[in-house]
Protein backbone atom coordinates (compact mmCIF):
# COMPACT_ATOMS: atom_id res chain seq x y z
CA MET A 1 -16.61 4.07 -3.78
CA GLN A 2 -16.96 4.98 -7.45
CA ARG A 3 -15.00 8.19 -6.94
CA THR A 4 -12.19 6.26 -5.24
CA GLN A 5 -12.05 3.78 -8.12
CA ASP A 6 -11.99 6.64 -10.63
CA MET A 7 -9.07 8.19 -8.76
CA ALA A 8 -7.24 4.85 -8.77
CA ARG A 9 -7.76 4.52 -12.54
CA ALA A 10 -6.46 8.07 -13.06
CA LEU A 11 -3.41 7.27 -10.91
CA LEU A 12 -2.76 4.11 -12.90
CA ALA A 13 -3.04 5.99 -16.20
CA HIS A 14 -0.59 8.60 -14.90
CA VAL A 15 1.88 5.91 -13.79
CA LYS A 16 1.61 4.03 -17.09
CA ALA A 17 2.11 7.26 -19.09
CA GLY A 18 5.43 7.98 -17.40
CA ALA A 19 8.34 5.93 -16.25
CA PRO A 20 7.88 5.19 -12.55
CA GLU A 21 10.92 5.22 -10.31
CA PRO A 22 12.38 1.69 -10.66
CA ARG A 23 12.21 0.91 -6.95
CA SER A 24 8.73 2.38 -6.40
CA ILE A 25 5.61 0.45 -5.49
CA ALA A 26 4.10 1.51 -8.83
CA ALA A 27 7.00 0.00 -10.78
CA HIS A 28 6.76 -3.26 -8.85
CA LEU A 29 3.00 -3.48 -9.35
CA LEU A 30 3.36 -2.87 -13.10
CA ALA A 31 5.91 -5.68 -13.28
CA LEU A 32 3.55 -8.21 -11.66
CA THR A 33 2.11 -10.97 -13.80
CA ASP A 34 -0.90 -13.21 -13.41
CA PRO A 35 0.52 -16.66 -12.66
CA THR A 36 -2.89 -18.28 -13.11
CA ALA A 37 -3.20 -17.24 -16.76
CA PRO A 38 -1.42 -18.95 -19.65
CA GLY A 39 1.85 -17.17 -20.43
CA ALA A 40 1.61 -15.13 -17.19
CA PRO A 41 0.40 -11.83 -18.73
CA PRO A 42 0.65 -8.54 -16.82
CA LEU A 43 -2.10 -7.91 -14.31
CA ALA A 44 -5.28 -6.39 -15.70
CA ASP A 45 -5.86 -2.69 -15.04
CA ALA A 46 -8.76 -3.45 -12.69
CA ARG A 47 -6.48 -5.64 -10.56
CA LEU A 48 -3.70 -3.03 -10.62
CA CYS A 49 -6.16 -0.37 -9.43
CA SER A 50 -7.26 -2.66 -6.63
CA GLU A 51 -3.65 -3.29 -5.61
CA HIS A 52 -2.85 0.45 -5.63
CA LEU A 53 -5.86 1.12 -3.41
CA THR A 54 -4.79 -1.65 -1.04
CA PHE A 55 -1.37 -0.05 -0.59
CA LEU A 56 -2.87 3.40 -0.16
CA LEU A 57 -5.52 2.36 2.35
CA ALA A 58 -3.31 -0.05 4.26
CA GLY A 59 -0.62 2.57 4.63
CA THR A 60 -3.15 5.13 5.83
CA GLU A 61 -4.69 2.69 8.28
CA THR A 62 -1.42 1.55 9.84
CA THR A 63 -0.13 5.12 10.09
CA GLY A 64 -3.35 6.14 11.79
CA HIS A 65 -3.09 3.28 14.27
CA SER A 66 0.54 4.11 15.01
CA ILE A 67 -0.22 7.78 15.65
CA ALA A 68 -3.18 6.90 17.87
CA TRP A 69 -1.13 4.38 19.84
CA LEU A 70 1.75 6.82 20.31
CA SER A 71 -0.55 9.64 21.40
CA ALA A 72 -2.50 7.49 23.89
CA PRO A 73 -0.73 4.17 24.49
CA PRO A 74 -2.74 1.44 26.19
CA PRO A 75 -2.17 0.84 29.91
CA GLY A 76 1.09 -0.97 30.57
CA ALA A 77 2.67 -0.05 27.25
CA ARG A 78 5.20 2.30 28.84
CA ALA A 79 6.27 -0.37 31.31
CA CYS A 80 6.58 -2.90 28.48
CA GLY A 81 8.67 -0.44 26.46
CA ALA A 82 10.89 0.26 29.46
CA ARG A 83 11.57 -3.45 29.95
CA ALA A 84 12.42 -3.86 26.26
CA ALA A 85 14.73 -0.81 26.13
CA PRO A 86 18.46 -1.55 26.07
CA ARG A 87 20.24 -0.84 29.34
């Protein structure tokens, strides 16, 4: 886990050093503020690292599930898809 956190910190440092694409996830995360703190300061680096990891891992997980489902759909999925397809 430490190596993953180190990689997230390195990614955050890289993003902060440059100008992320305005519509990227990195740009949106850097623009987030902490609504629970007075004056709503930007999120702390530890929180930003956590958020980056969440996006990375969630994206990997959902992609993996999608590929697995498409390669071996559960019984009845084809029939369900056929009923839902436009005629």
